[in-house]
Amino acid sequence: MSRSDQAVQQDTMRAVVQDAYGSTDVLRTSRADVPVIADDEVLIRVHAAGVDRGTWHLMTGRPYLMRVIGFGFRRPKNRVPGLDVAGVVEAIGPKVTRFAVGDEVFGISRGSFAEFAAAKESKLALKPAGITYEQAAAVPVSASTAHQALHLAGRLEPGQKLLVNGASGGVGSYAVQLGKAHGAEVTGVASTAKLDFVRSLGADHVVDHTQPGDLPDRYDLILDIGGNTPLRRLRRALTPTGTIVFVGGEGGGNVTGGIGRGMRAALRSPFVRQRFVMMAAKERHDELEQVAELIVAGSVTPAVERTYPLDGVAEALKHLEDGKARGKLVITVLPQDA
């Protein structure tokens, strides 16, 4: 679809851009071209955009494995960063059937730190009624990852014991709530300062990650989001036929990051009774719709710690990098009453 066929009347937009990999210093607010959408895409007028670890990795270009597999070798493939998005449909491609102009949507886009973003129809869902755009923008990447880690990779059953290692972050805050909604007994591992936050999410038990020695129980499923706990310690806390799901790639070196640790564990899985799964989340609307149902029912609540203006993206990513975030951070692009 050409830009002249779209509802938007302007050629450029206000956006955060980066032309190289690096620290938050590579980010700047500038003018950028309004995205041209493909036949199966939707153009969204962005109200809010979520901040997640994936965006930080795409900013830094680390681990370097990301560059090799197609995210841009010397510089980011997408000049405008940002994945999580919530807003209003501005235009649709000719093959789009699930949405119409004016629909309130949320999901995963390319370049959500901008006034407009393009997204595949398959990666969007209708925004749940009764929540703000900021809350909706806090859902897509983290909640979908947690949902897939628990149900597809982890095969969680009601009544099982679940340990969430890294329970205070974006994925972890949803994993605790989704585990409870599914009837599991949930233990959350976090830093001392964040234990009360993890309790507020509904965790049955909390563990300070600085606590020495073995973890206090045996678990049917462990989600390892933090990435810094030695595998042998996690295995000792696992039932003889339990499962460890490695989520994301935190920690490790610059080449493979924490991904390498999970891959090595997964290679051992066929030779032991315990299961070790390295998970790569898929971006699809059915996961969003299932989480949306739980939000509407009151079983899950997006935990938004802070919101920032578009000019505050660098500050938000620094807050995330420093490990200070509780739950999700969100960028407000278009104010709620605009």
C-alpha atoms as a PDB file:
ATOM      1  CA  MET A   1       0.000   0.000   0.000  1.00  0.00           C
ATOM      2  CA  SER A   2       1.405   3.396  -0.908  1.00  0.00           C
ATOM      3  CA  ARG A   3       1.515   6.138   1.677  1.00  0.00           C
ATOM      4  CA  SER A   4      -0.996   8.139  -0.368  1.00  0.00           C
ATOM      5  CA  ASP A   5      -3.559   5.329   0.183  1.00  0.00           C
ATOM      6  CA  GLN A   6      -3.264   5.538   3.935  1.00  0.00           C
ATOM      7  CA  ALA A   7      -5.468   7.602   6.240  1.00  0.00           C
ATOM      8  CA  VAL A   8      -2.507   9.445   7.741  1.00  0.00           C
ATOM      9  CA  GLN A   9      -1.924  12.784   6.016  1.00  0.00           C
ATOM     10  CA  GLN A  10       1.686  13.388   7.037  1.00  0.00           C
ATOM     11  CA  ASP A  11       4.894  11.961   5.586  1.00  0.00           C
ATOM     12  CA  THR A  12       7.019  12.178   8.719  1.00  0.00           C
ATOM     13  CA  MET A  13       6.489  11.589  12.405  1.00  0.00           C
ATOM     14  CA  ARG A  14       8.178  12.173  15.712  1.00  0.00           C
ATOM     15  CA  ALA A  15      10.175   9.087  16.691  1.00  0.00           C
ATOM     16  CA  VAL A  16      13.111   7.756  18.672  1.00  0.00           C
ATOM     17  CA  VAL A  17      15.829   6.625  16.256  1.00  0.00           C
ATOM     18  CA  GLN A  18      19.182   4.884  16.446  1.00  0.00           C
ATOM     19  CA  ASP A  19      21.733   4.573  13.643  1.00  0.00           C
ATOM     20  CA  ALA A  20      24.256   2.398  15.477  1.00  0.00           C
ATOM     21  CA  TYR A  21      24.482  -0.169  18.247  1.00  0.00           C
ATOM     22  CA  GLY A  22      25.549   0.995  21.684  1.00  0.00           C
ATOM     23  CA  SER A  23      24.368   2.347  25.019  1.00  0.00           C
ATOM     24  CA  THR A  24      21.416   4.667  25.509  1.00  0.00           C
ATOM     25  CA  ASP A  25      23.593   7.440  24.024  1.00  0.00           C
ATOM     26  CA  VAL A  26      22.773   6.142  20.524  1.00  0.00           C
ATOM     27  CA  LEU A  27      19.092   7.045  20.980  1.00  0.00           C
ATOM     28  CA  ARG A  28      17.741  10.411  19.898  1.00  0.00           C
ATOM     29  CA  THR A  29      14.323  11.915  19.209  1.00  0.00           C
ATOM     30  CA  SER A  30      13.980  13.062  15.614  1.00  0.00           C
ATOM     31  CA  ARG A  31      11.715  13.037  12.565  1.00  0.00           C
ATOM     32  CA  ALA A  32      11.334   9.769  10.674  1.00  0.00           C
ATOM     33  CA  ASP A  33       9.264   8.553   7.770  1.00  0.00           C
ATOM     34  CA  VAL A  34       5.788   7.265   8.581  1.00  0.00           C
ATOM     35  CA  PRO A  35       5.913   3.482   7.944  1.00  0.00           C
ATOM     36  CA  VAL A  36       4.535   2.142   4.692  1.00  0.00           C
ATOM     37  CA  ILE A  37       2.510  -0.966   5.524  1.00  0.00           C
ATOM     38  CA  ALA A  38       2.501  -4.255   3.621  1.00  0.00           C
ATOM     39  CA  ASP A  39      -0.682  -5.966   2.446  1.00  0.00           C
ATOM     40  CA  ASP A  40      -0.985  -7.976   5.691  1.00  0.00           C
ATOM     41  CA  GLU A  41      -0.061  -5.123   8.010  1.00  0.00           C
ATOM     42  CA  VAL A  42      -1.808  -2.473  10.092  1.00  0.00           C
ATOM     43  CA  LEU A  43      -0.690   1.106  10.648  1.00  0.00           C
ATOM     44  CA  ILE A  44      -1.194   2.103  14.285  1.00  0.00           C
ATOM     45  CA  ARG A  45      -1.358   5.574  15.767  1.00  0.00           C
ATOM     46  CA  VAL A  46       0.657   4.803  18.886  1.00  0.00           C
ATOM     47  CA  HIS A  47      -0.737   5.814  22.261  1.00  0.00           C
ATOM     48  CA  ALA A  48       1.733   3.846  24.397  1.00  0.00           C
ATOM     49  CA  ALA A  49       4.743   1.566  23.938  1.00  0.00           C
ATOM     50  CA  GLY A  50       6.203  -0.962  26.357  1.00  0.00           C
ATOM     51  CA  VAL A  51       9.867  -1.281  27.321  1.00  0.00           C
ATOM     52  CA  ASP A  52      11.307  -4.790  27.427  1.00  0.00           C
ATOM     53  CA  ARG A  53      14.629  -6.605  27.550  1.00  0.00           C
ATOM     54  CA  GLY A  54      14.418  -7.476  23.876  1.00  0.00           C
ATOM     55  CA  THR A  55      14.459  -3.771  23.009  1.00  0.00           C
ATOM     56  CA  TRP A  56      17.553  -3.305  25.177  1.00  0.00           C
ATOM     57  CA  HIS A  57      19.320  -6.162  23.356  1.00  0.00           C
ATOM     58  CA  LEU A  58      18.371  -4.669  19.991  1.00  0.00           C
ATOM     59  CA  MET A  59      19.776  -1.315  21.127  1.00  0.00           C
ATOM     60  CA  THR A  60      23.121  -2.741  22.231  1.00  0.00           C
ATOM     61  CA  GLY A  61      23.446  -5.404  19.544  1.00  0.00           C
ATOM     62  CA  ARG A  62      24.364  -7.938  22.213  1.00  0.00           C
ATOM     63  CA  PRO A  63      24.663 -10.845  22.307  1.00  0.00           C
ATOM     64  CA  TYR A  64      26.368 -10.720  18.917  1.00  0.00           C
ATOM     65  CA  LEU A  65      24.484 -13.849  17.851  1.00  0.00           C
ATOM     66  CA  MET A  66      21.486 -11.561  17.275  1.00  0.00           C
ATOM     67  CA  ARG A  67      23.330  -9.734  14.506  1.00  0.00           C
ATOM     68  CA  VAL A  68      24.200 -12.960  12.725  1.00  0.00           C
ATOM     69  CA  ILE A  69      20.621 -14.278  12.690  1.00  0.00           C
ATOM     70  CA  GLY A  70      19.183 -11.241  10.954  1.00  0.00           C
ATOM     71  CA  PHE A  71      18.679  -8.241  13.245  1.00  0.00           C
ATOM     72  CA  GLY A  72      21.331  -6.159  11.475  1.00  0.00           C
ATOM     73  CA  PHE A  73      25.054  -6.868  11.406  1.00  0.00           C
ATOM     74  CA  ARG A  74      26.594  -3.398  11.640  1.00  0.00           C
ATOM     75  CA  ARG A  75      23.542  -1.407  12.689  1.00  0.00           C
ATOM     76  CA  PRO A  76      19.927  -2.160  13.665  1.00  0.00           C
ATOM     77  CA  LYS A  77      17.750  -3.420  10.830  1.00  0.00           C
ATOM     78  CA  ASN A  78      14.905  -1.294  12.192  1.00  0.00           C
ATOM     79  CA  ARG A  79      16.002   2.302  12.735  1.00  0.00           C
ATOM     80  CA  VAL A  80      13.098   3.034  15.117  1.00  0.00           C
ATOM     81  CA  PRO A  81      13.205   0.764  18.207  1.00  0.00           C
ATOM     82  CA  GLY A  82      10.291  -0.530  20.251  1.00  0.00           C
ATOM     83  CA  LEU A  83       8.216  -3.742  20.131  1.00  0.00           C
ATOM     84  CA  ASP A  84       5.238  -3.528  22.516  1.00  0.00           C
ATOM     85  CA  VAL A  85       2.506  -1.257  21.182  1.00  0.00           C
ATOM     86  CA  ALA A  86      -1.011  -0.090  22.024  1.00  0.00           C
ATOM     87  CA  GLY A  87      -3.013   2.369  19.980  1.00  0.00           C
ATOM     88  CA  VAL A  88      -5.674   2.933  17.325  1.00  0.00           C
ATOM     89  CA  VAL A  89      -5.750   1.491  13.816  1.00  0.00           C
ATOM     90  CA  GLU A  90      -5.039   4.276  11.335  1.00  0.00           C
ATOM     91  CA  ALA A  91      -4.916   2.229   8.125  1.00  0.00           C
ATOM     92  CA  ILE A  92      -5.014  -1.411   7.028  1.00  0.00           C
ATOM     93  CA  GLY A  93      -3.507  -3.383   4.173  1.00  0.00           C
ATOM     94  CA  PRO A  94      -5.812  -5.018   1.594  1.00  0.00           C
ATOM     95  CA  LYS A  95      -5.302  -8.524   3.039  1.00  0.00           C
ATOM     96  CA  VAL A  96      -6.191  -7.513   6.620  1.00  0.00           C
ATOM     97  CA  THR A  97      -9.525  -9.013   7.731  1.00  0.00           C
ATOM     98  CA  ARG A  98      -9.504  -8.914  11.544  1.00  0.00           C
ATOM     99  CA  PHE A  99      -9.309  -5.139  12.067  1.00  0.00           C
ATOM    100  CA  ALA A 100     -10.862  -1.914  10.809  1.00  0.00           C
ATOM    101  CA  VAL A 101      -9.770   1.706  10.992  1.00  0.00           C
ATOM    102  CA  GLY A 102     -10.564   3.064  14.453  1.00  0.00           C
ATOM    103  CA  ASP A 103     -10.122  -0.240  16.344  1.00  0.00           C
ATOM    104  CA  GLU A 104      -8.192  -0.098  19.614  1.00  0.00           C
ATOM    105  CA  VAL A 105      -5.435  -2.707  19.416  1.00  0.00           C
ATOM    106  CA  PHE A 106      -2.341  -3.933  21.217  1.00  0.00           C
ATOM    107  CA  GLY A 107       0.450  -6.262  20.232  1.00  0.00           C
ATOM    108  CA  ILE A 108       3.936  -6.438  18.773  1.00  0.00           C
ATOM    109  CA  SER A 109       5.075  -3.984  16.101  1.00  0.00           C
ATOM    110  CA  ARG A 110       8.248  -2.755  14.513  1.00  0.00           C
ATOM    111  CA  GLY A 111       9.209   0.667  15.821  1.00  0.00           C
ATOM    112  CA  SER A 112       6.691   1.477  18.554  1.00  0.00           C
ATOM    113  CA  PHE A 113       8.734   4.365  20.001  1.00  0.00           C
ATOM    114  CA  ALA A 114       7.090   6.696  17.495  1.00  0.00           C
ATOM    115  CA  GLU A 115       3.807   8.390  16.645  1.00  0.00           C
ATOM    116  CA  PHE A 116       2.994   5.631  14.120  1.00  0.00           C
ATOM    117  CA  ALA A 117       4.051   1.989  13.937  1.00  0.00           C
ATOM    118  CA  ALA A 118       3.455  -0.874  11.521  1.00  0.00           C
ATOM    119  CA  ALA A 119       2.501  -4.349  12.729  1.00  0.00           C
ATOM    120  CA  LYS A 120       1.549  -7.681  11.191  1.00  0.00           C
ATOM    121  CA  GLU A 121      -2.146  -8.438  11.594  1.00  0.00           C
ATOM    122  CA  SER A 122      -1.127 -11.796  13.107  1.00  0.00           C
ATOM    123  CA  LYS A 123       0.702 -10.058  15.959  1.00  0.00           C
ATOM    124  CA  LEU A 124      -2.203  -7.871  17.136  1.00  0.00           C
ATOM    125  CA  ALA A 125      -5.355  -8.278  19.202  1.00  0.00           C
ATOM    126  CA  LEU A 126      -8.160  -5.975  20.260  1.00  0.00           C
ATOM    127  CA  LYS A 127      -7.287  -4.017  23.395  1.00  0.00           C
ATOM    128  CA  PRO A 128      -9.072  -5.412  26.474  1.00  0.00           C
ATOM    129  CA  ALA A 129     -11.937  -3.238  27.648  1.00  0.00           C
ATOM    130  CA  GLY A 130     -11.424  -1.369  30.878  1.00  0.00           C
ATOM    131  CA  ILE A 131      -7.643  -0.972  30.790  1.00  0.00           C
ATOM    132  CA  THR A 132      -5.576   1.995  29.653  1.00  0.00           C
ATOM    133  CA  TYR A 133      -3.307   2.097  26.634  1.00  0.00           C
ATOM    134  CA  GLU A 134      -0.347   2.168  29.034  1.00  0.00           C
ATOM    135  CA  GLN A 135      -1.499  -1.043  30.686  1.00  0.00           C
ATOM    136  CA  ALA A 136      -2.152  -2.662  27.314  1.00  0.00           C
ATOM    137  CA  ALA A 137       1.321  -1.699  26.071  1.00  0.00           C
ATOM    138  CA  ALA A 138       2.833  -3.465  29.075  1.00  0.00           C
ATOM    139  CA  VAL A 139       1.365  -6.816  28.013  1.00  0.00           C
ATOM    140  CA  PRO A 140       2.444  -8.154  24.605  1.00  0.00           C
ATOM    141  CA  VAL A 141       6.073  -9.359  24.695  1.00  0.00           C
ATOM    142  CA  SER A 142       6.344 -10.170  28.404  1.00  0.00           C
ATOM    143  CA  ALA A 143       2.930 -11.738  28.969  1.00  0.00           C
ATOM    144  CA  SER A 144       3.069 -13.785  25.753  1.00  0.00           C
ATOM    145  CA  THR A 145       6.527 -15.065  26.677  1.00  0.00           C
ATOM    146  CA  ALA A 146       5.411 -16.014  30.183  1.00  0.00           C
ATOM    147  CA  HIS A 147       2.275 -17.729  28.859  1.00  0.00           C
ATOM    148  CA  GLN A 148       4.213 -19.821  26.338  1.00  0.00           C
ATOM    149  CA  ALA A 149       6.927 -20.668  28.872  1.00  0.00           C
ATOM    150  CA  LEU A 150       4.364 -21.992  31.353  1.00  0.00           C
ATOM    151  CA  HIS A 151       1.967 -23.806  29.047  1.00  0.00           C
ATOM    152  CA  LEU A 152       3.781 -24.796  25.854  1.00  0.00           C
ATOM    153  CA  ALA A 153       7.352 -25.301  27.041  1.00  0.00           C
ATOM    154  CA  GLY A 154       6.716 -25.989  30.744  1.00  0.00           C
ATOM    155  CA  ARG A 155       3.472 -28.013  30.467  1.00  0.00           C
ATOM    156  CA  LEU A 156       2.283 -26.597  33.798  1.00  0.00           C
ATOM    157  CA  GLU A 157      -0.556 -28.491  35.489  1.00  0.00           C
ATOM    158  CA  PRO A 158      -2.883 -27.244  38.265  1.00  0.00           C
ATOM    159  CA  GLY A 159      -1.555 -28.107  41.709  1.00  0.00           C
ATOM    160  CA  GLN A 160       2.077 -28.250  40.633  1.00  0.00           C
ATOM    161  CA  LYS A 161       4.848 -26.295  42.321  1.00  0.00           C
ATOM    162  CA  LEU A 162       6.267 -23.501  40.157  1.00  0.00           C
ATOM    163  CA  LEU A 163       9.454 -21.528  40.812  1.00  0.00           C
ATOM    164  CA  VAL A 164       9.900 -18.241  38.929  1.00  0.00           C
ATOM    165  CA  ASN A 165      13.539 -17.159  39.027  1.00  0.00           C
ATOM    166  CA  GLY A 166      13.470 -13.461  38.179  1.00  0.00           C
ATOM    167  CA  ALA A 167       9.914 -12.877  39.380  1.00  0.00           C
ATOM    168  CA  SER A 168      10.052  -9.080  39.642  1.00  0.00           C
ATOM    169  CA  GLY A 169      10.706  -8.262  35.994  1.00  0.00           C
ATOM    170  CA  GLY A 170       8.401  -8.012  33.009  1.00  0.00           C
ATOM    171  CA  VAL A 171       8.161 -11.711  32.134  1.00  0.00           C
ATOM    172  CA  GLY A 172       8.416 -12.776  35.768  1.00  0.00           C
ATOM    173  CA  SER A 173       5.594 -10.535  36.985  1.00  0.00           C
ATOM    174  CA  TYR A 174       3.264 -12.173  34.459  1.00  0.00           C
ATOM    175  CA  ALA A 175       4.585 -15.687  35.119  1.00  0.00           C
ATOM    176  CA  VAL A 176       3.686 -15.375  38.811  1.00  0.00           C
ATOM    177  CA  GLN A 177       0.141 -14.215  38.025  1.00  0.00           C
ATOM    178  CA  LEU A 178      -0.431 -16.678  35.184  1.00  0.00           C
ATOM    179  CA  GLY A 179       0.866 -19.532  37.322  1.00  0.00           C
ATOM    180  CA  LYS A 180      -1.554 -18.640  40.113  1.00  0.00           C
ATOM    181  CA  ALA A 181      -4.418 -18.291  37.634  1.00  0.00           C
ATOM    182  CA  HIS A 182      -3.665 -21.831  36.447  1.00  0.00           C
ATOM    183  CA  GLY A 183      -3.796 -23.228  39.981  1.00  0.00           C
ATOM    184  CA  ALA A 184      -0.081 -23.653  40.688  1.00  0.00           C
ATOM    185  CA  GLU A 185       1.690 -23.050  43.999  1.00  0.00           C
ATOM    186  CA  VAL A 186       4.079 -20.260  43.056  1.00  0.00           C
ATOM    187  CA  THR A 187       7.429 -19.293  44.557  1.00  0.00           C
ATOM    188  CA  GLY A 188       9.071 -16.119  43.271  1.00  0.00           C
ATOM    189  CA  VAL A 189      12.812 -15.402  43.439  1.00  0.00           C
ATOM    190  CA  ALA A 190      13.893 -11.756  43.458  1.00  0.00           C
ATOM    191  CA  SER A 191      16.203  -9.284  45.178  1.00  0.00           C
ATOM    192  CA  THR A 192      15.584  -8.281  48.775  1.00  0.00           C
ATOM    193  CA  ALA A 193      14.123  -4.898  47.820  1.00  0.00           C
ATOM    194  CA  LYS A 194      11.573  -6.473  45.453  1.00  0.00           C
ATOM    195  CA  LEU A 195      10.209  -9.317  47.593  1.00  0.00           C
ATOM    196  CA  ASP A 196       7.175  -7.297  48.720  1.00  0.00           C
ATOM    197  CA  PHE A 197       6.381  -6.515  45.083  1.00  0.00           C
ATOM    198  CA  VAL A 198       6.499 -10.228  44.185  1.00  0.00           C
ATOM    199  CA  ARG A 199       4.178 -10.998  47.123  1.00  0.00           C
ATOM    200  CA  SER A 200       1.760  -8.354  45.830  1.00  0.00           C
ATOM    201  CA  LEU A 201       1.563 -10.258  42.536  1.00  0.00           C
ATOM    202  CA  GLY A 202       0.120 -13.223  44.408  1.00  0.00           C
ATOM    203  CA  ALA A 203       3.182 -15.414  44.971  1.00  0.00           C
ATOM    204  CA  ASP A 204       2.638 -18.014  47.710  1.00  0.00           C
ATOM    205  CA  HIS A 205       6.301 -17.869  48.728  1.00  0.00           C
ATOM    206  CA  VAL A 206       9.255 -15.593  48.003  1.00  0.00           C
ATOM    207  CA  VAL A 207      12.992 -16.269  48.063  1.00  0.00           C
ATOM    208  CA  ASP A 208      15.787 -13.707  48.237  1.00  0.00           C
ATOM    209  CA  HIS A 209      18.145 -14.523  45.366  1.00  0.00           C
ATOM    210  CA  THR A 210      21.141 -13.744  47.596  1.00  0.00           C
ATOM    211  CA  GLN A 211      20.104 -16.530  49.997  1.00  0.00           C
ATOM    212  CA  PRO A 212      22.962 -19.072  50.162  1.00  0.00           C
ATOM    213  CA  GLY A 213      22.553 -22.809  49.861  1.00  0.00           C
ATOM    214  CA  ASP A 214      19.824 -24.840  48.217  1.00  0.00           C
ATOM    215  CA  LEU A 215      16.419 -23.464  47.331  1.00  0.00           C
ATOM    216  CA  PRO A 216      13.840 -24.305  50.022  1.00  0.00           C
ATOM    217  CA  ASP A 217      11.641 -26.808  48.141  1.00  0.00           C
ATOM    218  CA  ARG A 218      11.391 -29.133  45.121  1.00  0.00           C
ATOM    219  CA  TYR A 219       9.546 -27.813  42.108  1.00  0.00           C
ATOM    220  CA  ASP A 220       7.775 -29.403  39.161  1.00  0.00           C
ATOM    221  CA  LEU A 221       8.594 -26.449  36.916  1.00  0.00           C
ATOM    222  CA  ILE A 222      11.270 -23.776  37.141  1.00  0.00           C
ATOM    223  CA  LEU A 223      11.244 -20.737  34.869  1.00  0.00           C
ATOM    224  CA  ASP A 224      14.782 -19.378  34.782  1.00  0.00           C
ATOM    225  CA  ILE A 225      14.427 -15.765  33.682  1.00  0.00           C
ATOM    226  CA  GLY A 226      17.224 -14.221  35.757  1.00  0.00           C
ATOM    227  CA  GLY A 227      19.879 -16.331  34.063  1.00  0.00           C
ATOM    228  CA  ASN A 228      22.511 -16.130  36.802  1.00  0.00           C
ATOM    229  CA  THR A 229      21.712 -19.134  39.024  1.00  0.00           C
ATOM    230  CA  PRO A 230      24.054 -22.103  38.427  1.00  0.00           C
ATOM    231  CA  LEU A 231      22.338 -24.995  36.661  1.00  0.00           C
ATOM    232  CA  ARG A 232      23.388 -27.435  39.383  1.00  0.00           C
ATOM    233  CA  ARG A 233      21.523 -25.360  42.005  1.00  0.00           C
ATOM    234  CA  LEU A 234      18.381 -25.306  39.874  1.00  0.00           C
ATOM    235  CA  ARG A 235      18.596 -29.067  39.259  1.00  0.00           C
ATOM    236  CA  ARG A 236      18.808 -29.765  42.988  1.00  0.00           C
ATOM    237  CA  ALA A 237      15.564 -27.798  43.421  1.00  0.00           C
ATOM    238  CA  LEU A 238      13.809 -29.773  40.672  1.00  0.00           C
ATOM    239  CA  THR A 239      11.735 -32.931  41.127  1.00  0.00           C
ATOM    240  CA  PRO A 240      13.263 -36.032  39.488  1.00  0.00           C
ATOM    241  CA  THR A 241      11.056 -35.597  36.401  1.00  0.00           C
ATOM    242  CA  GLY A 242      10.613 -31.822  36.584  1.00  0.00           C
ATOM    243  CA  THR A 243      11.282 -29.215  33.901  1.00  0.00           C
ATOM    244  CA  ILE A 244      13.491 -26.138  33.687  1.00  0.00           C
ATOM    245  CA  VAL A 245      12.519 -23.612  31.013  1.00  0.00           C
ATOM    246  CA  PHE A 246      15.218 -21.078  30.142  1.00  0.00           C
ATOM    247  CA  VAL A 247      13.584 -17.810  29.119  1.00  0.00           C
ATOM    248  CA  GLY A 248      15.615 -15.166  27.328  1.00  0.00           C
ATOM    249  CA  GLY A 249      19.355 -14.730  27.291  1.00  0.00           C
ATOM    250  CA  GLU A 250      20.402 -12.642  30.269  1.00  0.00           C
ATOM    251  CA  GLY A 251      23.902 -13.015  31.667  1.00  0.00           C
ATOM    252  CA  GLY A 252      26.748 -14.800  29.883  1.00  0.00           C
ATOM    253  CA  GLY A 253      29.240 -13.290  27.479  1.00  0.00           C
ATOM    254  CA  ASN A 254      28.844 -10.937  24.533  1.00  0.00           C
ATOM    255  CA  VAL A 255      28.752 -13.668  21.872  1.00  0.00           C
ATOM    256  CA  THR A 256      25.800 -15.866  22.881  1.00  0.00           C
ATOM    257  CA  GLY A 257      24.840 -14.304  26.235  1.00  0.00           C
ATOM    258  CA  GLY A 258      22.631 -16.455  28.452  1.00  0.00           C
ATOM    259  CA  ILE A 259      21.348 -18.227  25.332  1.00  0.00           C
ATOM    260  CA  GLY A 260      24.465 -20.391  25.321  1.00  0.00           C
ATOM    261  CA  ARG A 261      23.769 -21.599  28.862  1.00  0.00           C
ATOM    262  CA  GLY A 262      20.245 -22.637  27.963  1.00  0.00           C
ATOM    263  CA  MET A 263      21.387 -24.361  24.778  1.00  0.00           C
ATOM    264  CA  ARG A 264      24.008 -26.387  26.642  1.00  0.00           C
ATOM    265  CA  ALA A 265      21.409 -27.479  29.187  1.00  0.00           C
ATOM    266  CA  ALA A 266      18.927 -28.436  26.454  1.00  0.00           C
ATOM    267  CA  LEU A 267      21.564 -30.658  24.827  1.00  0.00           C
ATOM    268  CA  ARG A 268      21.829 -32.616  28.092  1.00  0.00           C
ATOM    269  CA  SER A 269      18.074 -33.115  28.397  1.00  0.00           C
ATOM    270  CA  PRO A 270      17.812 -36.364  26.331  1.00  0.00           C
ATOM    271  CA  PHE A 271      20.242 -38.086  28.691  1.00  0.00           C
ATOM    272  CA  VAL A 272      18.541 -37.348  32.025  1.00  0.00           C
ATOM    273  CA  ARG A 273      15.012 -37.740  33.427  1.00  0.00           C
ATOM    274  CA  GLN A 274      14.647 -34.026  34.047  1.00  0.00           C
ATOM    275  CA  ARG A 275      13.658 -31.797  31.092  1.00  0.00           C
ATOM    276  CA  PHE A 276      15.658 -28.712  30.094  1.00  0.00           C
ATOM    277  CA  VAL A 277      14.001 -26.483  27.499  1.00  0.00           C
ATOM    278  CA  MET A 278      15.467 -23.431  25.765  1.00  0.00           C
ATOM    279  CA  MET A 279      12.473 -21.347  24.739  1.00  0.00           C
ATOM    280  CA  ALA A 280      12.124 -18.797  21.951  1.00  0.00           C
ATOM    281  CA  ALA A 281       8.723 -17.118  22.189  1.00  0.00           C
ATOM    282  CA  LYS A 282       6.520 -16.880  19.100  1.00  0.00           C
ATOM    283  CA  GLU A 283       4.697 -13.616  18.360  1.00  0.00           C
ATOM    284  CA  ARG A 284       1.056 -14.471  17.675  1.00  0.00           C
ATOM    285  CA  HIS A 285      -2.346 -13.009  18.374  1.00  0.00           C
ATOM    286  CA  ASP A 286      -3.897 -16.073  20.019  1.00  0.00           C
ATOM    287  CA  GLU A 287      -1.526 -15.753  22.995  1.00  0.00           C
ATOM    288  CA  LEU A 288      -2.505 -12.089  23.349  1.00  0.00           C
ATOM    289  CA  GLU A 289      -6.192 -12.964  23.215  1.00  0.00           C
ATOM    290  CA  GLN A 290      -5.833 -15.612  25.934  1.00  0.00           C
ATOM    291  CA  VAL A 291      -4.009 -13.177  28.223  1.00  0.00           C
ATOM    292  CA  ALA A 292      -6.592 -10.486  27.434  1.00  0.00           C
ATOM    293  CA  GLU A 293      -9.362 -12.806  28.658  1.00  0.00           C
ATOM    294  CA  LEU A 294      -7.536 -13.244  31.970  1.00  0.00           C
ATOM    295  CA  ILE A 295      -7.075  -9.465  32.278  1.00  0.00           C
ATOM    296  CA  VAL A 296     -10.791  -8.862  31.702  1.00  0.00           C
ATOM    297  CA  ALA A 297     -11.605 -11.574  34.265  1.00  0.00           C
ATOM    298  CA  GLY A 298      -9.340  -9.888  36.841  1.00  0.00           C
ATOM    299  CA  SER A 299      -6.943 -12.845  37.134  1.00  0.00           C
ATOM    300  CA  VAL A 300      -3.998 -10.878  35.673  1.00  0.00           C
ATOM    301  CA  THR A 301      -3.157  -7.199  36.078  1.00  0.00           C
ATOM    302  CA  PRO A 302      -0.368  -5.470  34.118  1.00  0.00           C
ATOM    303  CA  ALA A 303       2.161  -4.241  36.681  1.00  0.00           C
ATOM    304  CA  VAL A 304       3.318  -0.843  35.383  1.00  0.00           C
ATOM    305  CA  GLU A 305       5.940   0.727  37.641  1.00  0.00           C
ATOM    306  CA  ARG A 306       6.517   3.979  35.742  1.00  0.00           C
ATOM    307  CA  THR A 307       5.574   5.786  32.574  1.00  0.00           C
ATOM    308  CA  TYR A 308       7.859   8.073  30.568  1.00  0.00           C
ATOM    309  CA  PRO A 309       7.320  10.523  27.688  1.00  0.00           C
ATOM    310  CA  LEU A 310       8.746   9.717  24.260  1.00  0.00           C
ATOM    311  CA  ASP A 311      11.819  11.803  25.087  1.00  0.00           C
ATOM    312  CA  GLY A 312      12.359   9.535  28.112  1.00  0.00           C
ATOM    313  CA  VAL A 313      13.058   6.272  26.255  1.00  0.00           C
ATOM    314  CA  ALA A 314      16.772   6.398  27.072  1.00  0.00           C
ATOM    315  CA  GLU A 315      16.007   7.011  30.752  1.00  0.00           C
ATOM    316  CA  ALA A 316      13.577   4.095  30.816  1.00  0.00           C
ATOM    317  CA  LEU A 317      16.068   1.704  29.208  1.00  0.00           C
ATOM    318  CA  LYS A 318      18.764   2.817  31.668  1.00  0.00           C
ATOM    319  CA  HIS A 319      16.380   2.100  34.561  1.00  0.00           C
ATOM    320  CA  LEU A 320      15.783  -1.352  33.105  1.00  0.00           C
ATOM    321  CA  GLU A 321      19.495  -1.957  32.519  1.00  0.00           C
ATOM    322  CA  ASP A 322      20.294  -1.054  36.128  1.00  0.00           C
ATOM    323  CA  GLY A 323      17.945  -3.800  37.355  1.00  0.00           C
ATOM    324  CA  LYS A 324      15.731  -1.366  39.244  1.00  0.00           C
ATOM    325  CA  ALA A 325      12.451  -1.976  37.409  1.00  0.00           C
ATOM    326  CA  ARG A 326       9.517  -3.671  39.126  1.00  0.00           C
ATOM    327  CA  GLY A 327       7.252  -5.134  36.485  1.00  0.00           C
ATOM    328  CA  LYS A 328       6.973  -3.050  33.326  1.00  0.00           C
ATOM    329  CA  LEU A 329       8.032   0.404  32.158  1.00  0.00           C
ATOM    330  CA  VAL A 330       5.913   2.167  29.540  1.00  0.00           C
ATOM    331  CA  ILE A 331       6.362   5.081  27.145  1.00  0.00           C
ATOM    332  CA  THR A 332       3.346   7.383  26.739  1.00  0.00           C
ATOM    333  CA  VAL A 333       3.374   8.596  23.129  1.00  0.00           C
ATOM    334  CA  LEU A 334      -0.123  10.082  22.850  1.00  0.00           C
ATOM    335  CA  PRO A 335      -1.735  11.188  26.139  1.00  0.00           C
ATOM    336  CA  GLN A 336      -4.918   9.341  27.124  1.00  0.00           C
ATOM    337  CA  ASP A 337      -7.122  12.412  26.710  1.00  0.00           C
ATOM    338  CA  ALA A 338      -5.649  13.442  23.370  1.00  0.00           C
END
